[in-house]
Amino acid sequence: MDKKSAAGLMAAAIKARENAYAPYSGFSVGAAVLCGDGSVYTGCNVENASYPCGICAERTAVSKAVSDGRRSFVACAVTGSSAEKCTPCGVCRQFLYEFAPEMTVLCGNKEGEYDEITLSELLPRGFGASSM
């Protein structure tokens, strides 16, 4: 992924983070996924008093894309509201793996700094429809 595309995707994730609903953890997360056709979908975390009912930013973004018929994903940018770079949680890693095990993942912080890694490096030996 080139630097300009990565920076644009991270900027979209940072913008999405502004809409997070995180009254319990106080940790806002934004995500943006780049689809194979070039479209970008964003999402934020939405917490709930019944913790399992909440949803992470990455799954929100992918769910929006899938509900619009997208199934091909190239990259995902995720950013949290702290100085530490945010990586997808285990559930999100598996959720993303279902669609694109080799996607690029940009793990960013509140300042917009990020590291680039592949999803298969974040989730080695993952499984999905393509492995069954």
N, C-alpha and C. Protein backbone atom coordinates (compact mmCIF):
# COMPACT_ATOMS: atom_id res chain seq x y z
N MET A 1 0.85 -1.17 0.00
CA MET A 1 0.00 0.00 0.00
C MET A 1 0.90 1.24 0.00
N ASP A 2 0.66 2.17 -0.92
CA ASP A 2 1.50 3.36 -0.99
C ASP A 2 1.17 4.32 0.16
N LYS A 3 2.11 5.19 0.45
CA LYS A 3 2.00 6.11 1.60
C LYS A 3 0.78 7.03 1.50
N LYS A 4 0.49 7.53 0.31
CA LYS A 4 -0.64 8.44 0.13
C LYS A 4 -1.97 7.73 0.41
N SER A 5 -2.13 6.52 -0.11
CA SER A 5 -3.35 5.76 0.14
C SER A 5 -3.49 5.40 1.61
N ALA A 6 -2.38 4.99 2.22
CA ALA A 6 -2.39 4.65 3.64
C ALA A 6 -2.76 5.86 4.49
N ALA A 7 -2.19 7.01 4.19
CA ALA A 7 -2.49 8.23 4.95
C ALA A 7 -3.95 8.61 4.80
N GLY A 8 -4.50 8.46 3.62
CA GLY A 8 -5.92 8.77 3.39
C GLY A 8 -6.84 7.84 4.15
N LEU A 9 -6.49 6.55 4.17
CA LEU A 9 -7.30 5.58 4.89
C LEU A 9 -7.23 5.84 6.40
N MET A 10 -6.04 6.17 6.90
CA MET A 10 -5.90 6.49 8.31
C MET A 10 -6.68 7.75 8.67
N ALA A 11 -6.67 8.74 7.80
CA ALA A 11 -7.44 9.97 8.04
C ALA A 11 -8.94 9.67 8.14
N ALA A 12 -9.42 8.76 7.30
CA ALA A 12 -10.84 8.37 7.36
C ALA A 12 -11.15 7.67 8.68
N ALA A 13 -10.23 6.85 9.17
CA ALA A 13 -10.42 6.16 10.45
C ALA A 13 -10.44 7.17 11.61
N ILE A 14 -9.55 8.14 11.55
CA ILE A 14 -9.50 9.17 12.59
C ILE A 14 -10.81 9.95 12.61
N LYS A 15 -11.32 10.30 11.45
CA LYS A 15 -12.60 11.02 11.35
C LYS A 15 -13.73 10.16 11.92
N ALA A 16 -13.74 8.87 11.61
CA ALA A 16 -14.78 7.97 12.12
C ALA A 16 -14.73 7.86 13.64
N ARG A 17 -13.52 7.94 14.19
CA ARG A 17 -13.35 7.84 15.64
C ARG A 17 -14.13 8.93 16.38
N GLU A 18 -14.32 10.07 15.74
CA GLU A 18 -15.06 11.18 16.35
C GLU A 18 -16.51 10.80 16.68
N ASN A 19 -17.05 9.80 16.00
CA ASN A 19 -18.44 9.39 16.22
C ASN A 19 -18.59 8.25 17.22
N ALA A 20 -17.49 7.79 17.79
CA ALA A 20 -17.55 6.65 18.72
C ALA A 20 -18.46 6.94 19.91
N TYR A 21 -19.10 5.89 20.37
CA TYR A 21 -19.93 5.96 21.57
C TYR A 21 -19.27 5.03 22.59
N ALA A 22 -18.49 5.63 23.49
CA ALA A 22 -17.69 4.85 24.43
C ALA A 22 -17.81 5.37 25.87
N PRO A 23 -19.05 5.42 26.41
CA PRO A 23 -19.21 5.98 27.76
C PRO A 23 -18.68 5.08 28.88
N TYR A 24 -18.44 3.82 28.59
CA TYR A 24 -18.01 2.88 29.64
C TYR A 24 -16.49 2.75 29.70
N SER A 25 -15.86 2.60 28.56
CA SER A 25 -14.40 2.45 28.54
C SER A 25 -13.68 3.79 28.39
N GLY A 26 -14.36 4.75 27.78
CA GLY A 26 -13.72 6.02 27.49
C GLY A 26 -12.67 5.90 26.38
N PHE A 27 -12.65 4.78 25.68
CA PHE A 27 -11.67 4.53 24.62
C PHE A 27 -12.39 4.52 23.28
N SER A 28 -12.21 5.58 22.52
CA SER A 28 -12.85 5.71 21.22
C SER A 28 -11.98 5.09 20.14
N VAL A 29 -12.62 4.39 19.22
CA VAL A 29 -11.90 3.73 18.12
C VAL A 29 -12.61 4.05 16.81
N GLY A 30 -11.82 4.29 15.78
CA GLY A 30 -12.35 4.48 14.44
C GLY A 30 -11.66 3.52 13.50
N ALA A 31 -12.36 3.12 12.46
CA ALA A 31 -11.79 2.21 11.46
C ALA A 31 -12.27 2.61 10.08
N ALA A 32 -11.46 2.27 9.10
CA ALA A 32 -11.82 2.47 7.69
C ALA A 32 -11.32 1.27 6.92
N VAL A 33 -12.17 0.71 6.07
CA VAL A 33 -11.76 -0.41 5.23
C VAL A 33 -11.76 0.03 3.77
N LEU A 34 -10.72 -0.40 3.08
CA LEU A 34 -10.59 -0.14 1.65
C LEU A 34 -11.02 -1.39 0.91
N CYS A 35 -12.03 -1.25 0.09
CA CYS A 35 -12.56 -2.38 -0.67
C CYS A 35 -11.79 -2.55 -1.98
N GLY A 36 -11.92 -3.72 -2.56
CA GLY A 36 -11.24 -4.03 -3.81
C GLY A 36 -11.60 -3.11 -4.95
N ASP A 37 -12.80 -2.52 -4.91
CA ASP A 37 -13.23 -1.60 -5.97
C ASP A 37 -12.83 -0.15 -5.69
N GLY A 38 -12.08 0.07 -4.60
CA GLY A 38 -11.62 1.42 -4.26
C GLY A 38 -12.52 2.17 -3.30
N SER A 39 -13.70 1.64 -3.01
CA SER A 39 -14.59 2.33 -2.07
C SER A 39 -14.06 2.16 -0.65
N VAL A 40 -14.41 3.12 0.21
CA VAL A 40 -13.98 3.11 1.60
C VAL A 40 -15.21 3.18 2.49
N TYR A 41 -15.23 2.33 3.50
CA TYR A 41 -16.30 2.32 4.49
C TYR A 41 -15.68 2.55 5.86
N THR A 42 -16.36 3.34 6.67
CA THR A 42 -15.84 3.65 8.00
C THR A 42 -16.78 3.14 9.08
N GLY A 43 -16.23 3.04 10.27
CA GLY A 43 -17.02 2.63 11.42
C GLY A 43 -16.36 3.09 12.71
N CYS A 44 -17.12 3.07 13.78
CA CYS A 44 -16.60 3.42 15.10
C CYS A 44 -17.11 2.40 16.10
N ASN A 45 -16.50 2.38 17.27
CA ASN A 45 -16.99 1.47 18.29
C ASN A 45 -18.26 2.05 18.92
N VAL A 46 -19.18 1.15 19.25
CA VAL A 46 -20.44 1.53 19.88
C VAL A 46 -20.62 0.61 21.09
N GLU A 47 -20.46 1.17 22.28
CA GLU A 47 -20.57 0.39 23.50
C GLU A 47 -22.02 0.31 23.98
N ASN A 48 -22.24 -0.62 24.91
CA ASN A 48 -23.57 -0.82 25.49
C ASN A 48 -23.39 -1.27 26.93
N ALA A 49 -24.34 -0.91 27.79
CA ALA A 49 -24.26 -1.32 29.20
C ALA A 49 -24.17 -2.84 29.32
N SER A 50 -24.78 -3.55 28.39
CA SER A 50 -24.64 -5.00 28.32
C SER A 50 -23.46 -5.25 27.37
N TYR A 51 -22.27 -5.37 27.96
CA TYR A 51 -21.02 -5.34 27.18
C TYR A 51 -21.01 -6.19 25.91
N PRO A 52 -21.52 -7.41 25.91
CA PRO A 52 -21.45 -8.19 24.66
C PRO A 52 -22.26 -7.59 23.52
N CYS A 53 -23.15 -6.66 23.82
CA CYS A 53 -23.97 -6.05 22.77
C CYS A 53 -23.23 -4.98 21.98
N GLY A 54 -22.09 -4.52 22.47
CA GLY A 54 -21.33 -3.50 21.77
C GLY A 54 -20.70 -4.07 20.51
N ILE A 55 -20.18 -3.17 19.68
CA ILE A 55 -19.51 -3.60 18.45
C ILE A 55 -18.27 -2.74 18.22
N CYS A 56 -17.24 -3.38 17.75
CA CYS A 56 -15.98 -2.70 17.48
C CYS A 56 -16.05 -1.92 16.16
N ALA A 57 -15.15 -0.96 16.02
CA ALA A 57 -15.11 -0.12 14.82
C ALA A 57 -14.87 -0.92 13.55
N GLU A 58 -13.96 -1.88 13.62
CA GLU A 58 -13.62 -2.66 12.44
C GLU A 58 -14.81 -3.46 11.94
N ARG A 59 -15.52 -4.10 12.87
CA ARG A 59 -16.68 -4.90 12.47
C ARG A 59 -17.82 -4.01 11.97
N THR A 60 -17.93 -2.80 12.52
CA THR A 60 -18.93 -1.85 12.02
C THR A 60 -18.63 -1.50 10.56
N ALA A 61 -17.38 -1.15 10.27
CA ALA A 61 -17.00 -0.76 8.91
C ALA A 61 -17.22 -1.89 7.91
N VAL A 62 -16.76 -3.08 8.27
CA VAL A 62 -16.92 -4.23 7.36
C VAL A 62 -18.40 -4.58 7.18
N SER A 63 -19.17 -4.52 8.25
CA SER A 63 -20.60 -4.83 8.14
C SER A 63 -21.32 -3.85 7.22
N LYS A 64 -20.96 -2.57 7.31
CA LYS A 64 -21.54 -1.59 6.39
C LYS A 64 -21.19 -1.94 4.95
N ALA A 65 -19.94 -2.30 4.71
CA ALA A 65 -19.50 -2.64 3.36
C ALA A 65 -20.21 -3.89 2.85
N VAL A 66 -20.27 -4.92 3.68
CA VAL A 66 -20.92 -6.17 3.28
C VAL A 66 -22.41 -5.93 3.00
N SER A 67 -23.04 -5.09 3.81
CA SER A 67 -24.47 -4.84 3.60
C SER A 67 -24.71 -4.07 2.29
N ASP A 68 -23.67 -3.45 1.75
CA ASP A 68 -23.76 -2.80 0.44
C ASP A 68 -23.25 -3.69 -0.69
N GLY A 69 -22.98 -4.96 -0.37
CA GLY A 69 -22.59 -5.92 -1.40
C GLY A 69 -21.11 -6.10 -1.61
N ARG A 70 -20.28 -5.45 -0.82
CA ARG A 70 -18.83 -5.59 -0.97
C ARG A 70 -18.37 -6.87 -0.29
N ARG A 71 -17.42 -7.56 -0.91
CA ARG A 71 -16.86 -8.78 -0.33
C ARG A 71 -15.34 -8.83 -0.45
N SER A 72 -14.78 -7.88 -1.19
CA SER A 72 -13.34 -7.84 -1.42
C SER A 72 -12.74 -6.68 -0.63
N PHE A 73 -11.74 -6.99 0.22
CA PHE A 73 -11.12 -5.98 1.06
C PHE A 73 -9.61 -6.00 0.88
N VAL A 74 -9.02 -4.81 0.78
CA VAL A 74 -7.60 -4.65 0.55
C VAL A 74 -6.87 -4.26 1.83
N ALA A 75 -7.50 -3.36 2.61
CA ALA A 75 -6.82 -2.83 3.79
C ALA A 75 -7.83 -2.36 4.83
N CYS A 76 -7.35 -2.28 6.07
CA CYS A 76 -8.15 -1.76 7.17
C CYS A 76 -7.25 -0.87 8.02
N ALA A 77 -7.71 0.34 8.29
CA ALA A 77 -7.01 1.23 9.21
C ALA A 77 -7.82 1.29 10.50
N VAL A 78 -7.14 1.20 11.61
CA VAL A 78 -7.80 1.29 12.92
C VAL A 78 -6.99 2.23 13.80
N THR A 79 -7.68 3.09 14.52
CA THR A 79 -7.00 4.06 15.37
C THR A 79 -7.79 4.26 16.66
N GLY A 80 -7.07 4.33 17.74
CA GLY A 80 -7.68 4.55 19.04
C GLY A 80 -7.41 5.94 19.56
N SER A 81 -7.94 6.23 20.74
CA SER A 81 -7.84 7.57 21.32
C SER A 81 -6.69 7.70 22.33
N SER A 82 -5.67 6.88 22.17
CA SER A 82 -4.52 6.97 23.07
C SER A 82 -3.23 7.14 22.26
N ALA A 83 -2.14 7.37 22.97
CA ALA A 83 -0.84 7.51 22.31
C ALA A 83 -0.31 6.16 21.81
N GLU A 84 -0.81 5.08 22.39
CA GLU A 84 -0.39 3.74 21.98
C GLU A 84 -1.11 3.35 20.69
N LYS A 85 -0.39 2.71 19.78
CA LYS A 85 -1.00 2.28 18.52
C LYS A 85 -2.00 1.16 18.79
N CYS A 86 -3.15 1.27 18.17
CA CYS A 86 -4.29 0.37 18.39
C CYS A 86 -4.28 -0.75 17.34
N THR A 87 -4.40 -1.98 17.80
CA THR A 87 -4.53 -3.11 16.89
C THR A 87 -5.95 -3.67 17.03
N PRO A 88 -6.43 -4.37 16.01
CA PRO A 88 -7.74 -5.01 16.15
C PRO A 88 -7.72 -6.05 17.27
N CYS A 89 -8.84 -6.15 17.99
CA CYS A 89 -8.95 -7.19 19.02
C CYS A 89 -9.02 -8.57 18.35
N GLY A 90 -8.97 -9.61 19.12
CA GLY A 90 -9.00 -10.97 18.58
C GLY A 90 -10.25 -11.27 17.77
N VAL A 91 -11.39 -10.82 18.26
CA VAL A 91 -12.65 -11.05 17.54
C VAL A 91 -12.60 -10.36 16.18
N CYS A 92 -12.12 -9.12 16.15
CA CYS A 92 -12.04 -8.38 14.89
C CYS A 92 -11.02 -9.00 13.93
N ARG A 93 -9.93 -9.50 14.48
CA ARG A 93 -8.94 -10.16 13.62
C ARG A 93 -9.58 -11.33 12.89
N GLN A 94 -10.34 -12.14 13.60
CA GLN A 94 -11.02 -13.28 12.99
C GLN A 94 -12.09 -12.81 12.01
N PHE A 95 -12.82 -11.77 12.37
CA PHE A 95 -13.88 -11.23 11.51
C PHE A 95 -13.28 -10.75 10.18
N LEU A 96 -12.18 -10.01 10.25
CA LEU A 96 -11.51 -9.53 9.04
C LEU A 96 -10.93 -10.69 8.22
N TYR A 97 -10.38 -11.68 8.91
CA TYR A 97 -9.75 -12.83 8.26
C TYR A 97 -10.74 -13.59 7.38
N GLU A 98 -11.98 -13.60 7.77
CA GLU A 98 -13.03 -14.26 6.99
C GLU A 98 -13.04 -13.76 5.55
N PHE A 99 -12.73 -12.49 5.36
CA PHE A 99 -12.83 -11.86 4.05
C PHE A 99 -11.50 -11.68 3.33
N ALA A 100 -10.42 -11.44 4.08
CA ALA A 100 -9.16 -11.11 3.41
C ALA A 100 -7.96 -11.38 4.31
N PRO A 101 -7.52 -12.63 4.40
CA PRO A 101 -6.40 -12.99 5.28
C PRO A 101 -5.11 -12.20 5.03
N GLU A 102 -4.90 -11.74 3.81
CA GLU A 102 -3.66 -11.04 3.49
C GLU A 102 -3.84 -9.52 3.42
N MET A 103 -4.97 -9.01 3.90
CA MET A 103 -5.16 -7.56 3.85
C MET A 103 -4.10 -6.83 4.66
N THR A 104 -3.84 -5.61 4.29
CA THR A 104 -2.95 -4.73 5.03
C THR A 104 -3.73 -4.14 6.19
N VAL A 105 -3.12 -4.09 7.37
CA VAL A 105 -3.76 -3.47 8.53
C VAL A 105 -2.86 -2.33 9.00
N LEU A 106 -3.44 -1.16 9.10
CA LEU A 106 -2.75 0.02 9.61
C LEU A 106 -3.19 0.22 11.05
N CYS A 107 -2.27 0.16 11.98
CA CYS A 107 -2.56 0.27 13.41
C CYS A 107 -2.08 1.64 13.88
N GLY A 108 -3.04 2.55 14.17
CA GLY A 108 -2.68 3.92 14.46
C GLY A 108 -3.02 4.38 15.87
N ASN A 109 -2.49 5.56 16.19
CA ASN A 109 -2.77 6.18 17.49
C ASN A 109 -3.47 7.52 17.28
N LYS A 110 -3.73 8.22 18.39
CA LYS A 110 -4.50 9.46 18.30
C LYS A 110 -3.79 10.56 17.50
N GLU A 111 -2.47 10.47 17.39
CA GLU A 111 -1.72 11.46 16.61
C GLU A 111 -1.70 11.14 15.12
N GLY A 112 -2.20 9.98 14.73
CA GLY A 112 -2.19 9.60 13.32
C GLY A 112 -0.96 8.82 12.90
N GLU A 113 -0.08 8.52 13.83
CA GLU A 113 1.07 7.66 13.53
C GLU A 113 0.57 6.23 13.41
N TYR A 114 1.16 5.45 12.54
CA TYR A 114 0.69 4.08 12.38
C TYR A 114 1.80 3.13 11.96
N ASP A 115 1.56 1.86 12.24
CA ASP A 115 2.40 0.77 11.77
C ASP A 115 1.59 -0.01 10.75
N GLU A 116 2.26 -0.60 9.78
CA GLU A 116 1.61 -1.40 8.74
C GLU A 116 2.01 -2.85 8.93
N ILE A 117 1.02 -3.73 8.90
CA ILE A 117 1.24 -5.17 9.08
C ILE A 117 0.16 -5.91 8.29
N THR A 118 0.41 -7.17 7.95
CA THR A 118 -0.64 -7.95 7.29
C THR A 118 -1.50 -8.61 8.35
N LEU A 119 -2.73 -8.86 7.99
CA LEU A 119 -3.65 -9.51 8.91
C LEU A 119 -3.16 -10.90 9.29
N SER A 120 -2.59 -11.63 8.34
CA SER A 120 -2.11 -12.97 8.65
C SER A 120 -0.95 -12.94 9.65
N GLU A 121 -0.22 -11.83 9.72
CA GLU A 121 0.81 -11.68 10.76
C GLU A 121 0.16 -11.43 12.12
N LEU A 122 -0.95 -10.68 12.12
CA LEU A 122 -1.67 -10.42 13.37
C LEU A 122 -2.43 -11.65 13.86
N LEU A 123 -2.87 -12.47 12.91
CA LEU A 123 -3.64 -13.68 13.26
C LEU A 123 -3.06 -14.88 12.51
N PRO A 124 -1.91 -15.37 12.97
CA PRO A 124 -1.33 -16.53 12.29
C PRO A 124 -2.23 -17.76 12.47
N ARG A 125 -2.29 -18.55 11.46
CA ARG A 125 -3.08 -19.79 11.47
C ARG A 125 -4.57 -19.56 11.69
N GLY A 126 -5.04 -18.41 11.18
CA GLY A 126 -6.47 -18.12 11.23
C GLY A 126 -7.25 -19.09 10.34
N PHE A 127 -8.55 -19.00 10.40
CA PHE A 127 -9.38 -19.88 9.59
C PHE A 127 -10.57 -19.11 9.05
N GLY A 128 -11.14 -19.62 7.97
CA GLY A 128 -12.29 -18.97 7.36
C GLY A 128 -12.86 -19.84 6.26
N ALA A 129 -13.82 -19.28 5.56
CA ALA A 129 -14.51 -20.02 4.51
C ALA A 129 -13.54 -20.56 3.47
N SER A 130 -12.49 -19.80 3.18
CA SER A 130 -11.53 -20.23 2.14
C SER A 130 -10.67 -21.41 2.60
N SER A 131 -10.62 -21.66 3.91
CA SER A 131 -9.78 -22.76 4.40
C SER A 131 -10.61 -24.02 4.71
N MET A 132 -11.88 -23.98 4.44
CA MET A 132 -12.74 -25.14 4.76
C MET A 132 -13.03 -25.97 3.55
